Amino acid sequence: MDSSPFLRYLIIGKLSRDFILTPDGGAYLDKPGGSLLYAAAGAGVWESGIGLVGRVGEDYPQEWINQAKRAGLDIRGIHFLHDAIDLRAFFAYLDFNTCQTDNPVSHFARLELSFPKSLLGYTAPGPVVDSRIQSTPLTIRASDIPPDYLDATAAHLCPLDFLSHSLLPPALRQGQVTTITMDPSPGYMDPNFWDHIPALVNGITALITSERKLRNLFQGRSEDLWEMAETIASYGCSMVIIKRGSQSQYLYERAKGGKWLIPAYPARVFDPTGAGQAFCGGFLTGFRATYSPLEGALAGNISASLAIEGHGPFYALDTLPGLTRYRMEALRDMVRRV
């Protein structure tokens, strides 16, 4: 008898080994992280039945994957490769809005903390332009998706390389997936990929991107965020959401030409890591529950607010019952239609 759980949502993304220096000077070293876990937790705040798809090296701690399973997430789509892969990620917060990811030695010295041996040899990844034809070990293949995962009806693609985002939507649509949201990678939100963006976003339910990535794509073409959103939507994308950190989100709906400005919920910030990914997971489940772009954005906003009040991707999943709905109703009164 098949004991596989019933899945409603898929989250496809990356895992990492996080080294975080928080704004208050705290150090959280070699902990589970990555867009996959934060987005899944953002979705899990509201719904269950979430399947994870990702790739890790053979040296990634199995216990961290088991922790995701204990949190109620389906881990059968996480694949261990036969080689070790450096998945370390370093974040040093100078304040709640300023994060640096390079030169970890100087940051540990600044805080008078001992430098961890597990971070020796770390080099921050520099700006990389994705390849249009060459895959990497972390490129997600259609074959990575367990067959029964395709019975889910909604999926979110976290930032991945261009090939993953090009090849996965058609594969997902061969199953029951009808809602696909995508957070683009900085590796292709670049003017060199301008001519490839229309085909990439055509048929996508929502493109959820940061202001920085969107401005980088449009450099030399536009300075107006609403104009950028309208342009992306005109390629066949139903909605565009622009994440602006602690300031707000912009939401543009193509069908009705609707524009909303949604302020960030005034949460107590402890660790900003993963807030943008938690937003994406919350948006996916919020939108599917109501088919309202605004309700999706509100849900995503609240997921992000919960994620930043503690540390680690699973923190938001321990939210007290009722708090999410209370925050959503409070936030609803702050939304402004443009």
C-alpha atoms as a PDB file:
ATOM      1  CA  MET A   1       0.000   0.000   0.000  1.00  0.00           C
ATOM      2  CA  ASP A   2       1.356   3.458  -0.936  1.00  0.00           C
ATOM      3  CA  SER A   3       1.946   5.499   2.199  1.00  0.00           C
ATOM      4  CA  SER A   4       3.190   8.629   0.409  1.00  0.00           C
ATOM      5  CA  PRO A   5       1.551  11.776   1.780  1.00  0.00           C
ATOM      6  CA  PHE A   6      -0.827  13.863  -0.275  1.00  0.00           C
ATOM      7  CA  LEU A   7       1.019  16.901  -1.565  1.00  0.00           C
ATOM      8  CA  ARG A   8      -0.528  20.207  -2.584  1.00  0.00           C
ATOM      9  CA  TYR A   9       2.544  22.396  -2.976  1.00  0.00           C
ATOM     10  CA  LEU A  10       6.080  22.010  -4.292  1.00  0.00           C
ATOM     11  CA  ILE A  11       9.028  24.176  -3.338  1.00  0.00           C
ATOM     12  CA  ILE A  12      12.085  23.845  -5.564  1.00  0.00           C
ATOM     13  CA  GLY A  13      15.297  25.554  -4.491  1.00  0.00           C
ATOM     14  CA  LYS A  14      18.700  25.424  -2.849  1.00  0.00           C
ATOM     15  CA  LEU A  15      20.017  24.316   0.523  1.00  0.00           C
ATOM     16  CA  SER A  16      22.985  25.863   2.266  1.00  0.00           C
ATOM     17  CA  ARG A  17      25.175  25.703   5.366  1.00  0.00           C
ATOM     18  CA  ASP A  18      24.662  29.114   6.933  1.00  0.00           C
ATOM     19  CA  PHE A  19      27.082  31.190   8.998  1.00  0.00           C
ATOM     20  CA  ILE A  20      25.185  34.217  10.280  1.00  0.00           C
ATOM     21  CA  LEU A  21      26.269  37.214  12.336  1.00  0.00           C
ATOM     22  CA  THR A  22      23.030  38.891  13.405  1.00  0.00           C
ATOM     23  CA  PRO A  23      22.525  42.638  13.876  1.00  0.00           C
ATOM     24  CA  ASP A  24      22.778  42.283  17.671  1.00  0.00           C
ATOM     25  CA  GLY A  25      26.191  40.601  17.380  1.00  0.00           C
ATOM     26  CA  GLY A  26      24.998  37.031  17.771  1.00  0.00           C
ATOM     27  CA  ALA A  27      26.719  34.212  15.876  1.00  0.00           C
ATOM     28  CA  TYR A  28      24.918  31.222  14.406  1.00  0.00           C
ATOM     29  CA  LEU A  29      27.466  28.984  12.792  1.00  0.00           C
ATOM     30  CA  ASP A  30      27.057  26.088  10.365  1.00  0.00           C
ATOM     31  CA  LYS A  31      23.280  25.839  10.585  1.00  0.00           C
ATOM     32  CA  PRO A  32      20.737  24.598   8.012  1.00  0.00           C
ATOM     33  CA  GLY A  33      19.605  27.242   5.567  1.00  0.00           C
ATOM     34  CA  GLY A  34      18.881  28.016   1.950  1.00  0.00           C
ATOM     35  CA  SER A  35      15.996  29.292  -0.118  1.00  0.00           C
ATOM     36  CA  LEU A  36      14.355  25.868  -0.187  1.00  0.00           C
ATOM     37  CA  LEU A  37      13.872  25.654   3.583  1.00  0.00           C
ATOM     38  CA  TYR A  38      12.896  29.285   4.159  1.00  0.00           C
ATOM     39  CA  ALA A  39      10.322  29.269   1.351  1.00  0.00           C
ATOM     40  CA  ALA A  40       8.913  25.936   2.543  1.00  0.00           C
ATOM     41  CA  ALA A  41       8.548  27.293   6.080  1.00  0.00           C
ATOM     42  CA  GLY A  42       6.847  30.417   4.727  1.00  0.00           C
ATOM     43  CA  ALA A  43       4.320  28.168   3.019  1.00  0.00           C
ATOM     44  CA  GLY A  44       4.075  25.827   6.005  1.00  0.00           C
ATOM     45  CA  VAL A  45       2.925  28.666   8.235  1.00  0.00           C
ATOM     46  CA  TRP A  46      -0.404  28.470   6.397  1.00  0.00           C
ATOM     47  CA  GLU A  47      -0.727  25.011   4.838  1.00  0.00           C
ATOM     48  CA  SER A  48       0.533  21.428   4.977  1.00  0.00           C
ATOM     49  CA  GLY A  49       1.303  18.997   2.173  1.00  0.00           C
ATOM     50  CA  ILE A  50       4.569  20.573   0.993  1.00  0.00           C
ATOM     51  CA  GLY A  51       7.171  18.662  -1.015  1.00  0.00           C
ATOM     52  CA  LEU A  52      10.794  19.780  -1.331  1.00  0.00           C
ATOM     53  CA  VAL A  53      13.007  19.434  -4.410  1.00  0.00           C
ATOM     54  CA  GLY A  54      16.707  20.243  -4.277  1.00  0.00           C
ATOM     55  CA  ARG A  55      20.261  18.941  -4.648  1.00  0.00           C
ATOM     56  CA  VAL A  56      23.059  18.711  -2.100  1.00  0.00           C
ATOM     57  CA  GLY A  57      26.505  17.196  -1.913  1.00  0.00           C
ATOM     58  CA  GLU A  58      27.255  13.971  -0.101  1.00  0.00           C
ATOM     59  CA  ASP A  59      28.728  15.992   2.771  1.00  0.00           C
ATOM     60  CA  TYR A  60      25.493  17.835   3.592  1.00  0.00           C
ATOM     61  CA  PRO A  61      24.279  16.808   7.074  1.00  0.00           C
ATOM     62  CA  GLN A  62      21.521  14.205   6.818  1.00  0.00           C
ATOM     63  CA  GLU A  63      20.250  15.303  10.215  1.00  0.00           C
ATOM     64  CA  TRP A  64      19.264  18.671   8.775  1.00  0.00           C
ATOM     65  CA  ILE A  65      17.169  16.937   6.133  1.00  0.00           C
ATOM     66  CA  ASN A  66      15.603  14.795   8.850  1.00  0.00           C
ATOM     67  CA  GLN A  67      14.816  17.997  10.762  1.00  0.00           C
ATOM     68  CA  ALA A  68      12.814  19.215   7.768  1.00  0.00           C
ATOM     69  CA  LYS A  69      10.942  15.922   7.766  1.00  0.00           C
ATOM     70  CA  ARG A  70      10.135  16.251  11.460  1.00  0.00           C
ATOM     71  CA  ALA A  71       8.799  19.722  10.679  1.00  0.00           C
ATOM     72  CA  GLY A  72       6.187  18.091   8.441  1.00  0.00           C
ATOM     73  CA  LEU A  73       7.871  18.630   5.062  1.00  0.00           C
ATOM     74  CA  ASP A  74       8.190  15.900   2.434  1.00  0.00           C
ATOM     75  CA  ILE A  75      11.904  15.419   1.714  1.00  0.00           C
ATOM     76  CA  ARG A  76      11.799  12.722  -0.959  1.00  0.00           C
ATOM     77  CA  GLY A  77      12.720  15.234  -3.663  1.00  0.00           C
ATOM     78  CA  ILE A  78      16.042  16.171  -2.045  1.00  0.00           C
ATOM     79  CA  HIS A  79      18.861  14.374  -3.856  1.00  0.00           C
ATOM     80  CA  PHE A  80      22.302  13.668  -2.430  1.00  0.00           C
ATOM     81  CA  LEU A  81      24.989  13.759  -5.113  1.00  0.00           C
ATOM     82  CA  HIS A  82      28.053  11.510  -5.079  1.00  0.00           C
ATOM     83  CA  ASP A  83      30.490  14.377  -4.604  1.00  0.00           C
ATOM     84  CA  ALA A  84      31.051  16.950  -1.888  1.00  0.00           C
ATOM     85  CA  ILE A  85      29.781  20.449  -2.737  1.00  0.00           C
ATOM     86  CA  ASP A  86      30.680  23.610  -0.864  1.00  0.00           C
ATOM     87  CA  LEU A  87      27.294  25.003   0.178  1.00  0.00           C
ATOM     88  CA  ARG A  88      28.574  27.408   2.825  1.00  0.00           C
ATOM     89  CA  ALA A  89      26.925  30.841   2.921  1.00  0.00           C
ATOM     90  CA  PHE A  90      28.058  33.756   5.070  1.00  0.00           C
ATOM     91  CA  PHE A  91      25.903  36.712   6.178  1.00  0.00           C
ATOM     92  CA  ALA A  92      27.099  39.577   8.363  1.00  0.00           C
ATOM     93  CA  TYR A  93      24.439  42.120   9.278  1.00  0.00           C
ATOM     94  CA  LEU A  94      25.740  45.589  10.096  1.00  0.00           C
ATOM     95  CA  ASP A  95      22.130  46.562  10.789  1.00  0.00           C
ATOM     96  CA  PHE A  96      18.707  45.225   9.859  1.00  0.00           C
ATOM     97  CA  ASN A  97      18.979  46.495   6.285  1.00  0.00           C
ATOM     98  CA  THR A  98      22.695  46.091   5.543  1.00  0.00           C
ATOM     99  CA  CYS A  99      24.159  42.643   4.929  1.00  0.00           C
ATOM    100  CA  GLN A 100      27.667  41.793   3.764  1.00  0.00           C
ATOM    101  CA  THR A 101      28.662  38.375   2.479  1.00  0.00           C
ATOM    102  CA  ASP A 102      32.414  38.697   1.981  1.00  0.00           C
ATOM    103  CA  ASN A 103      35.555  38.960   4.123  1.00  0.00           C
ATOM    104  CA  PRO A 104      34.240  36.971   7.104  1.00  0.00           C
ATOM    105  CA  VAL A 105      37.574  37.264   8.974  1.00  0.00           C
ATOM    106  CA  SER A 106      37.123  41.017   9.375  1.00  0.00           C
ATOM    107  CA  HIS A 107      33.571  40.642  10.668  1.00  0.00           C
ATOM    108  CA  PHE A 108      34.519  38.089  13.316  1.00  0.00           C
ATOM    109  CA  ALA A 109      37.385  40.352  14.366  1.00  0.00           C
ATOM    110  CA  ARG A 110      35.033  43.343  14.540  1.00  0.00           C
ATOM    111  CA  LEU A 111      32.799  41.452  16.963  1.00  0.00           C
ATOM    112  CA  GLU A 112      35.793  39.981  18.844  1.00  0.00           C
ATOM    113  CA  LEU A 113      34.639  36.455  18.060  1.00  0.00           C
ATOM    114  CA  SER A 114      36.816  33.436  17.371  1.00  0.00           C
ATOM    115  CA  PHE A 115      36.909  32.523  13.705  1.00  0.00           C
ATOM    116  CA  PRO A 116      35.262  29.102  13.174  1.00  0.00           C
ATOM    117  CA  LYS A 117      37.416  26.384  11.635  1.00  0.00           C
ATOM    118  CA  SER A 118      34.436  25.266   9.561  1.00  0.00           C
ATOM    119  CA  LEU A 119      34.594  28.585   7.688  1.00  0.00           C
ATOM    120  CA  LEU A 120      38.288  28.350   6.787  1.00  0.00           C
ATOM    121  CA  GLY A 121      38.899  28.739   3.068  1.00  0.00           C
ATOM    122  CA  TYR A 122      35.509  30.321   2.440  1.00  0.00           C
ATOM    123  CA  THR A 123      35.331  32.657  -0.532  1.00  0.00           C
ATOM    124  CA  ALA A 124      32.201  34.667  -1.184  1.00  0.00           C
ATOM    125  CA  PRO A 125      30.730  33.894  -4.608  1.00  0.00           C
ATOM    126  CA  GLY A 126      31.175  36.875  -6.894  1.00  0.00           C
ATOM    127  CA  PRO A 127      28.698  38.073  -9.518  1.00  0.00           C
ATOM    128  CA  VAL A 128      28.114  35.211 -11.937  1.00  0.00           C
ATOM    129  CA  VAL A 129      26.222  35.347 -15.218  1.00  0.00           C
ATOM    130  CA  ASP A 130      24.335  32.106 -15.814  1.00  0.00           C
ATOM    131  CA  SER A 131      24.968  29.892 -18.800  1.00  0.00           C
ATOM    132  CA  ARG A 132      22.140  29.406 -21.266  1.00  0.00           C
ATOM    133  CA  ILE A 133      23.322  25.922 -22.241  1.00  0.00           C
ATOM    134  CA  GLN A 134      25.628  24.488 -19.576  1.00  0.00           C
ATOM    135  CA  SER A 135      24.176  22.829 -16.498  1.00  0.00           C
ATOM    136  CA  THR A 136      25.857  22.681 -13.082  1.00  0.00           C
ATOM    137  CA  PRO A 137      25.722  19.967 -10.416  1.00  0.00           C
ATOM    138  CA  LEU A 138      23.006  22.009  -8.677  1.00  0.00           C
ATOM    139  CA  THR A 139      20.863  22.492 -11.785  1.00  0.00           C
ATOM    140  CA  ILE A 140      17.491  20.918 -11.019  1.00  0.00           C
ATOM    141  CA  ARG A 141      16.442  18.366 -13.621  1.00  0.00           C
ATOM    142  CA  ALA A 142      12.892  17.242 -14.356  1.00  0.00           C
ATOM    143  CA  SER A 143      14.006  13.761 -13.321  1.00  0.00           C
ATOM    144  CA  ASP A 144      14.700  15.085  -9.812  1.00  0.00           C
ATOM    145  CA  ILE A 145      10.961  15.491  -9.229  1.00  0.00           C
ATOM    146  CA  PRO A 146       9.369  12.308  -7.798  1.00  0.00           C
ATOM    147  CA  PRO A 147       6.485  11.244 -10.086  1.00  0.00           C
ATOM    148  CA  ASP A 148       3.809  11.620  -7.403  1.00  0.00           C
ATOM    149  CA  TYR A 149       4.980  15.181  -6.685  1.00  0.00           C
ATOM    150  CA  LEU A 150       3.361  16.122 -10.006  1.00  0.00           C
ATOM    151  CA  ASP A 151      -0.031  15.520  -8.385  1.00  0.00           C
ATOM    152  CA  ALA A 152       0.495  18.810  -6.529  1.00  0.00           C
ATOM    153  CA  THR A 153      -1.276  21.789  -8.068  1.00  0.00           C
ATOM    154  CA  ALA A 154       1.067  24.658  -7.174  1.00  0.00           C
ATOM    155  CA  ALA A 155       4.837  25.131  -7.209  1.00  0.00           C
ATOM    156  CA  HIS A 156       7.332  27.837  -6.333  1.00  0.00           C
ATOM    157  CA  LEU A 157      10.742  28.035  -7.982  1.00  0.00           C
ATOM    158  CA  CYS A 158      13.292  29.676  -5.697  1.00  0.00           C
ATOM    159  CA  PRO A 159      16.310  31.436  -7.256  1.00  0.00           C
ATOM    160  CA  LEU A 160      18.040  28.836  -9.424  1.00  0.00           C
ATOM    161  CA  ASP A 161      20.167  28.964 -12.540  1.00  0.00           C
ATOM    162  CA  PHE A 162      18.665  29.921 -15.903  1.00  0.00           C
ATOM    163  CA  LEU A 163      18.480  26.342 -17.174  1.00  0.00           C
ATOM    164  CA  SER A 164      16.505  25.171 -14.142  1.00  0.00           C
ATOM    165  CA  HIS A 165      13.975  27.970 -14.544  1.00  0.00           C
ATOM    166  CA  SER A 166      13.724  27.340 -18.279  1.00  0.00           C
ATOM    167  CA  LEU A 167      13.190  23.589 -18.125  1.00  0.00           C
ATOM    168  CA  LEU A 168      11.114  23.057 -14.980  1.00  0.00           C
ATOM    169  CA  PRO A 169       7.836  24.874 -15.780  1.00  0.00           C
ATOM    170  CA  PRO A 170       7.061  22.676 -18.830  1.00  0.00           C
ATOM    171  CA  ALA A 171       7.859  19.581 -16.776  1.00  0.00           C
ATOM    172  CA  LEU A 172       5.591  20.719 -13.944  1.00  0.00           C
ATOM    173  CA  ARG A 173       2.723  21.411 -16.342  1.00  0.00           C
ATOM    174  CA  GLN A 174       2.842  17.803 -17.543  1.00  0.00           C
ATOM    175  CA  GLY A 175       1.334  16.959 -14.155  1.00  0.00           C
ATOM    176  CA  GLN A 176      -1.393  18.762 -12.237  1.00  0.00           C
ATOM    177  CA  VAL A 177       0.573  21.931 -11.470  1.00  0.00           C
ATOM    178  CA  THR A 178      -1.390  24.950 -12.675  1.00  0.00           C
ATOM    179  CA  THR A 179       0.086  27.663 -10.445  1.00  0.00           C
ATOM    180  CA  ILE A 180       3.802  28.410 -10.819  1.00  0.00           C
ATOM    181  CA  THR A 181       5.545  31.256  -9.049  1.00  0.00           C
ATOM    182  CA  MET A 182       9.184  32.128  -9.653  1.00  0.00           C
ATOM    183  CA  ASP A 183      11.856  34.141  -7.867  1.00  0.00           C
ATOM    184  CA  PRO A 184      14.500  34.826 -10.541  1.00  0.00           C
ATOM    185  CA  SER A 185      18.205  34.338 -10.003  1.00  0.00           C
ATOM    186  CA  PRO A 186      20.588  37.309 -10.080  1.00  0.00           C
ATOM    187  CA  GLY A 187      22.620  35.214 -12.514  1.00  0.00           C
ATOM    188  CA  TYR A 188      20.199  35.991 -15.321  1.00  0.00           C
ATOM    189  CA  MET A 189      18.483  39.177 -14.155  1.00  0.00           C
ATOM    190  CA  ASP A 190      21.027  40.886 -16.326  1.00  0.00           C
ATOM    191  CA  PRO A 191      20.756  42.960 -19.525  1.00  0.00           C
ATOM    192  CA  ASN A 192      22.544  40.162 -21.399  1.00  0.00           C
ATOM    193  CA  PHE A 193      19.456  38.005 -20.843  1.00  0.00           C
ATOM    194  CA  TRP A 194      16.935  40.655 -21.886  1.00  0.00           C
ATOM    195  CA  ASP A 195      15.808  38.818 -25.015  1.00  0.00           C
ATOM    196  CA  HIS A 196      15.318  35.572 -23.072  1.00  0.00           C
ATOM    197  CA  ILE A 197      13.041  36.951 -20.353  1.00  0.00           C
ATOM    198  CA  PRO A 198       9.764  36.979 -22.367  1.00  0.00           C
ATOM    199  CA  ALA A 199       9.881  33.232 -23.033  1.00  0.00           C
ATOM    200  CA  LEU A 200      10.972  32.521 -19.474  1.00  0.00           C
ATOM    201  CA  VAL A 201       8.053  34.286 -17.769  1.00  0.00           C
ATOM    202  CA  ASN A 202       5.344  33.486 -20.332  1.00  0.00           C
ATOM    203  CA  GLY A 203       2.640  31.492 -18.561  1.00  0.00           C
ATOM    204  CA  ILE A 204       4.107  32.040 -15.076  1.00  0.00           C
ATOM    205  CA  THR A 205       1.502  32.907 -12.459  1.00  0.00           C
ATOM    206  CA  ALA A 206       3.722  35.346 -10.578  1.00  0.00           C
ATOM    207  CA  LEU A 207       7.253  36.625 -10.852  1.00  0.00           C
ATOM    208  CA  ILE A 208       8.417  37.576  -7.341  1.00  0.00           C
ATOM    209  CA  THR A 209      11.648  39.510  -7.466  1.00  0.00           C
ATOM    210  CA  SER A 210      13.688  41.938  -5.420  1.00  0.00           C
ATOM    211  CA  GLU A 211      13.916  45.559  -6.448  1.00  0.00           C
ATOM    212  CA  ARG A 212      17.672  45.206  -6.864  1.00  0.00           C
ATOM    213  CA  LYS A 213      17.412  42.341  -9.344  1.00  0.00           C
ATOM    214  CA  LEU A 214      14.677  44.047 -11.326  1.00  0.00           C
ATOM    215  CA  ARG A 215      16.624  47.288 -11.588  1.00  0.00           C
ATOM    216  CA  ASN A 216      19.687  45.375 -12.735  1.00  0.00           C
ATOM    217  CA  LEU A 217      17.709  43.748 -15.547  1.00  0.00           C
ATOM    218  CA  PHE A 218      16.219  47.068 -16.661  1.00  0.00           C
ATOM    219  CA  GLN A 219      19.366  49.174 -16.378  1.00  0.00           C
ATOM    220  CA  GLY A 220      19.440  51.669 -19.229  1.00  0.00           C
ATOM    221  CA  ARG A 221      15.787  50.940 -20.092  1.00  0.00           C
ATOM    222  CA  SER A 222      13.670  52.245 -17.225  1.00  0.00           C
ATOM    223  CA  GLU A 223      13.893  53.661 -13.690  1.00  0.00           C
ATOM    224  CA  ASP A 224      10.153  53.297 -12.937  1.00  0.00           C
ATOM    225  CA  LEU A 225       9.310  50.159 -10.934  1.00  0.00           C
ATOM    226  CA  TRP A 226       5.674  50.118 -12.045  1.00  0.00           C
ATOM    227  CA  GLU A 227       6.747  50.381 -15.678  1.00  0.00           C
ATOM    228  CA  MET A 228       9.121  47.482 -15.140  1.00  0.00           C
ATOM    229  CA  ALA A 229       6.345  45.390 -13.595  1.00  0.00           C
ATOM    230  CA  GLU A 230       3.974  46.168 -16.457  1.00  0.00           C
ATOM    231  CA  THR A 231       6.633  45.217 -18.998  1.00  0.00           C
ATOM    232  CA  ILE A 232       7.307  41.843 -17.372  1.00  0.00           C
ATOM    233  CA  ALA A 233       3.573  41.160 -17.043  1.00  0.00           C
ATOM    234  CA  SER A 234       3.034  41.993 -20.727  1.00  0.00           C
ATOM    235  CA  TYR A 235       5.132  38.947 -21.622  1.00  0.00           C
ATOM    236  CA  GLY A 236       2.383  36.665 -20.307  1.00  0.00           C
ATOM    237  CA  CYS A 237       3.031  36.709 -16.563  1.00  0.00           C
ATOM    238  CA  SER A 238      -0.160  37.189 -14.526  1.00  0.00           C
ATOM    239  CA  MET A 239       1.394  39.080 -11.611  1.00  0.00           C
ATOM    240  CA  VAL A 240       4.642  40.769 -10.658  1.00  0.00           C
ATOM    241  CA  ILE A 241       5.594  41.303  -7.020  1.00  0.00           C
ATOM    242  CA  ILE A 242       8.574  43.503  -6.182  1.00  0.00           C
ATOM    243  CA  LYS A 243      10.146  42.876  -2.793  1.00  0.00           C
ATOM    244  CA  ARG A 244      11.655  46.028  -1.316  1.00  0.00           C
ATOM    245  CA  GLY A 245      13.082  44.665   1.917  1.00  0.00           C
ATOM    246  CA  SER A 246      11.860  46.354   5.059  1.00  0.00           C
ATOM    247  CA  GLN A 247      10.097  49.079   3.052  1.00  0.00           C
ATOM    248  CA  SER A 248       7.202  47.384   1.274  1.00  0.00           C
ATOM    249  CA  GLN A 249       6.126  45.198  -1.606  1.00  0.00           C
ATOM    250  CA  TYR A 250       4.716  46.393  -4.898  1.00  0.00           C
ATOM    251  CA  LEU A 251       2.051  44.158  -6.437  1.00  0.00           C
ATOM    252  CA  TYR A 252       0.984  44.471 -10.068  1.00  0.00           C
ATOM    253  CA  GLU A 253      -1.850  42.378 -11.536  1.00  0.00           C
ATOM    254  CA  ARG A 254      -1.956  42.237 -15.333  1.00  0.00           C
ATOM    255  CA  ALA A 255      -5.612  41.240 -15.857  1.00  0.00           C
ATOM    256  CA  LYS A 256      -7.078  44.249 -14.052  1.00  0.00           C
ATOM    257  CA  GLY A 257      -4.091  46.566 -14.138  1.00  0.00           C
ATOM    258  CA  GLY A 258      -4.244  46.632 -10.354  1.00  0.00           C
ATOM    259  CA  LYS A 259      -1.415  48.182  -8.359  1.00  0.00           C
ATOM    260  CA  TRP A 260      -0.977  47.820  -4.605  1.00  0.00           C
ATOM    261  CA  LEU A 261       1.621  49.014  -2.143  1.00  0.00           C
ATOM    262  CA  ILE A 262       1.864  46.714   0.862  1.00  0.00           C
ATOM    263  CA  PRO A 263       3.990  47.893   3.801  1.00  0.00           C
ATOM    264  CA  ALA A 264       6.081  45.373   5.677  1.00  0.00           C
ATOM    265  CA  TYR A 265       4.391  44.197   8.860  1.00  0.00           C
ATOM    266  CA  PRO A 266       6.101  45.978  11.797  1.00  0.00           C
ATOM    267  CA  ALA A 267       7.710  42.908  13.316  1.00  0.00           C
ATOM    268  CA  ARG A 268      10.515  42.726  15.864  1.00  0.00           C
ATOM    269  CA  VAL A 269      13.566  41.954  13.717  1.00  0.00           C
ATOM    270  CA  PHE A 270      16.063  39.453  15.068  1.00  0.00           C
ATOM    271  CA  ASP A 271      17.549  37.754  11.990  1.00  0.00           C
ATOM    272  CA  PRO A 272      16.557  39.040   8.513  1.00  0.00           C
ATOM    273  CA  THR A 273      17.934  35.937   6.758  1.00  0.00           C
ATOM    274  CA  GLY A 274      15.393  34.216   4.539  1.00  0.00           C
ATOM    275  CA  ALA A 275      12.655  36.832   4.818  1.00  0.00           C
ATOM    276  CA  GLY A 276      12.285  37.230   1.064  1.00  0.00           C
ATOM    277  CA  GLN A 277      12.057  33.478   0.560  1.00  0.00           C
ATOM    278  CA  ALA A 278       9.514  33.084   3.365  1.00  0.00           C
ATOM    279  CA  PHE A 279       7.436  35.729   1.583  1.00  0.00           C
ATOM    280  CA  CYS A 280       7.437  33.636  -1.593  1.00  0.00           C
ATOM    281  CA  GLY A 281       6.250  30.510   0.197  1.00  0.00           C
ATOM    282  CA  GLY A 282       3.497  32.404   1.969  1.00  0.00           C
ATOM    283  CA  PHE A 283       2.399  34.033  -1.272  1.00  0.00           C
ATOM    284  CA  LEU A 284       2.068  30.660  -2.994  1.00  0.00           C
ATOM    285  CA  THR A 285      -0.238  29.178  -0.362  1.00  0.00           C
ATOM    286  CA  GLY A 286      -2.137  32.428   0.210  1.00  0.00           C
ATOM    287  CA  PHE A 287      -2.866  32.866  -3.461  1.00  0.00           C
ATOM    288  CA  ARG A 288      -3.932  29.258  -3.981  1.00  0.00           C
ATOM    289  CA  ALA A 289      -6.306  29.439  -1.029  1.00  0.00           C
ATOM    290  CA  THR A 290      -8.149  32.466  -2.410  1.00  0.00           C
ATOM    291  CA  TYR A 291      -6.933  33.107  -5.991  1.00  0.00           C
ATOM    292  CA  SER A 292      -6.561  36.716  -4.873  1.00  0.00           C
ATOM    293  CA  PRO A 293      -3.183  38.341  -5.637  1.00  0.00           C
ATOM    294  CA  LEU A 294      -3.612  40.703  -2.713  1.00  0.00           C
ATOM    295  CA  GLU A 295      -4.432  37.923  -0.251  1.00  0.00           C
ATOM    296  CA  GLY A 296      -1.375  36.055  -1.480  1.00  0.00           C
ATOM    297  CA  ALA A 297       0.830  39.086  -0.909  1.00  0.00           C
ATOM    298  CA  LEU A 298      -0.614  39.606   2.572  1.00  0.00           C
ATOM    299  CA  ALA A 299       0.089  35.976   3.483  1.00  0.00           C
ATOM    300  CA  GLY A 300       3.624  36.267   2.155  1.00  0.00           C
ATOM    301  CA  ASN A 301       4.195  39.443   4.107  1.00  0.00           C
ATOM    302  CA  ILE A 302       3.101  37.787   7.354  1.00  0.00           C
ATOM    303  CA  SER A 303       5.276  34.714   6.685  1.00  0.00           C
ATOM    304  CA  ALA A 304       8.265  37.038   6.290  1.00  0.00           C
ATOM    305  CA  SER A 305       7.387  38.889   9.491  1.00  0.00           C
ATOM    306  CA  LEU A 306       7.414  35.630  11.437  1.00  0.00           C
ATOM    307  CA  ALA A 307      10.670  34.414   9.885  1.00  0.00           C
ATOM    308  CA  ILE A 308      12.673  37.480  10.947  1.00  0.00           C
ATOM    309  CA  GLU A 309      11.617  37.310  14.607  1.00  0.00           C
ATOM    310  CA  GLY A 310      13.784  34.269  15.291  1.00  0.00           C
ATOM    311  CA  HIS A 311      16.658  32.314  13.857  1.00  0.00           C
ATOM    312  CA  GLY A 312      16.706  29.526  11.300  1.00  0.00           C
ATOM    313  CA  PRO A 313      14.267  28.353   8.637  1.00  0.00           C
ATOM    314  CA  PHE A 314      12.056  26.345  10.983  1.00  0.00           C
ATOM    315  CA  TYR A 315      11.422  29.110  13.509  1.00  0.00           C
ATOM    316  CA  ALA A 316       8.281  30.407  11.787  1.00  0.00           C
ATOM    317  CA  LEU A 317       6.676  26.956  11.913  1.00  0.00           C
ATOM    318  CA  ASP A 318       6.372  27.211  15.704  1.00  0.00           C
ATOM    319  CA  THR A 319       4.062  30.235  15.462  1.00  0.00           C
ATOM    320  CA  LEU A 320       1.236  30.316  17.996  1.00  0.00           C
ATOM    321  CA  PRO A 321      -2.186  29.514  16.493  1.00  0.00           C
ATOM    322  CA  GLY A 322      -4.136  32.602  15.582  1.00  0.00           C
ATOM    323  CA  LEU A 323      -1.159  34.948  15.371  1.00  0.00           C
ATOM    324  CA  THR A 324      -0.951  34.690  11.577  1.00  0.00           C
ATOM    325  CA  ARG A 325      -4.591  35.672  11.062  1.00  0.00           C
ATOM    326  CA  TYR A 326      -4.343  38.467  13.604  1.00  0.00           C
ATOM    327  CA  ARG A 327      -1.365  39.947  11.809  1.00  0.00           C
ATOM    328  CA  MET A 328      -2.988  39.574   8.413  1.00  0.00           C
ATOM    329  CA  GLU A 329      -6.075  41.507   9.472  1.00  0.00           C
ATOM    330  CA  ALA A 330      -3.914  44.232  10.986  1.00  0.00           C
ATOM    331  CA  LEU A 331      -1.838  44.476   7.810  1.00  0.00           C
ATOM    332  CA  ARG A 332      -4.892  44.566   5.566  1.00  0.00           C
ATOM    333  CA  ASP A 333      -5.779  48.009   6.907  1.00  0.00           C
ATOM    334  CA  MET A 334      -2.343  49.332   5.905  1.00  0.00           C
ATOM    335  CA  VAL A 335      -2.545  48.349   2.212  1.00  0.00           C
ATOM    336  CA  ARG A 336      -2.814  51.171  -0.282  1.00  0.00           C
ATOM    337  CA  ARG A 337      -4.079  50.854  -3.837  1.00  0.00           C
ATOM    338  CA  VAL A 338      -2.012  52.987  -6.203  1.00  0.00           C
END
